[in-house]
Protein backbone atom coordinates (compact mmCIF):
# COMPACT_ATOMS: atom_id res chain seq x y z
CA MET A 1 12.13 -0.48 3.60
CA VAL A 2 14.23 2.83 3.81
CA LEU A 3 15.50 3.80 0.25
CA LYS A 4 19.09 4.77 0.26
CA GLU A 5 19.27 7.55 -2.16
CA SER A 6 15.83 9.10 -3.56
CA VAL A 7 14.23 9.67 -6.79
CA VAL A 8 13.16 13.35 -5.52
CA GLU A 9 16.92 14.28 -4.13
CA GLU A 10 15.92 17.02 -1.71
CA GLU A 11 12.26 15.54 -0.45
CA ASP A 12 11.07 13.25 1.53
CA VAL A 13 9.29 10.47 -0.44
CA ALA A 14 7.18 7.63 0.64
CA TRP A 15 5.71 5.19 -1.92
CA ILE A 16 2.81 2.67 -1.13
CA LEU A 17 1.85 0.52 -4.52
CA THR A 18 -1.45 -1.84 -3.74
CA SER A 19 -4.13 -2.70 -5.69
CA ASP A 20 -7.97 -3.45 -5.00
CA HIS A 21 -8.17 -7.57 -5.96
CA GLY A 22 -10.94 -8.54 -7.97
CA ASN A 23 -11.95 -11.97 -9.33
CA ILE A 24 -8.89 -12.86 -11.21
CA GLU A 25 -8.48 -15.76 -9.13
CA ASP A 26 -11.90 -17.67 -9.86
CA PHE A 27 -13.54 -15.90 -12.79
CA SER A 28 -16.98 -18.10 -10.89
CA VAL A 29 -16.69 -16.00 -8.39
CA LYS A 30 -19.50 -12.79 -9.04
CA GLY A 31 -17.52 -9.97 -6.58
CA HIS A 32 -14.04 -9.71 -5.14
CA THR A 33 -12.29 -12.40 -3.71
CA THR A 34 -11.24 -12.58 0.10
CA ASN A 35 -7.40 -13.41 -1.18
CA LEU A 36 -4.72 -11.48 0.46
CA VAL A 37 -3.47 -8.43 -1.36
CA PRO A 38 0.68 -7.85 -1.02
CA ALA A 39 1.44 -3.85 -0.38
CA LEU A 40 4.86 -2.67 -1.08
CA CYS A 41 5.89 0.51 0.52
CA CYS A 42 9.39 2.35 0.65
CA SER A 43 10.65 6.03 1.93
CA ASN A 44 13.57 7.82 1.73
CA GLN A 45 12.65 8.37 5.28
CA PRO A 46 11.75 5.82 8.12
CA VAL A 47 8.33 5.51 8.30
CA GLN A 48 6.10 3.49 10.63
CA TRP A 49 4.16 1.72 8.23
CA PRO A 50 0.35 0.67 9.39
CA GLU A 51 -0.77 -2.59 9.48
CA TRP A 52 -4.04 -3.26 7.20
CA ASP A 53 -6.30 -5.96 7.86
CA ASN A 54 -9.05 -5.27 5.22
CA LEU A 55 -9.42 -3.20 2.42
CA GLU A 56 -11.16 -0.35 3.60
CA GLU A 57 -8.22 0.63 5.71
CA VAL A 58 -6.09 1.52 3.67
CA THR A 59 -7.04 4.86 2.55
CA PRO A 60 -7.42 6.10 6.43
CA GLY A 61 -4.48 4.84 6.11
CA ILE A 62 -2.77 6.35 3.35
CA ILE A 63 -4.56 9.75 4.97
CA LYS A 64 -2.98 9.34 8.22
CA LEU A 65 0.35 9.02 6.96
CA LEU A 66 -0.05 12.33 4.63
CA THR A 67 -1.04 13.90 7.99
């Protein structure tokens, strides 16, 4: 998603909103579930967003976007 107007007018900005999921779906599970976790990504500039297959790929993907 590309934003038409930015809250920060003279800066390039990108937002990534995601979450580590726990066991809220099933309290009988002691660890994390394997349910999918959505990510909301948007920017005021075109961005090639990474595709993550698992939680361990999120942090390296964000670092790659920042460098």
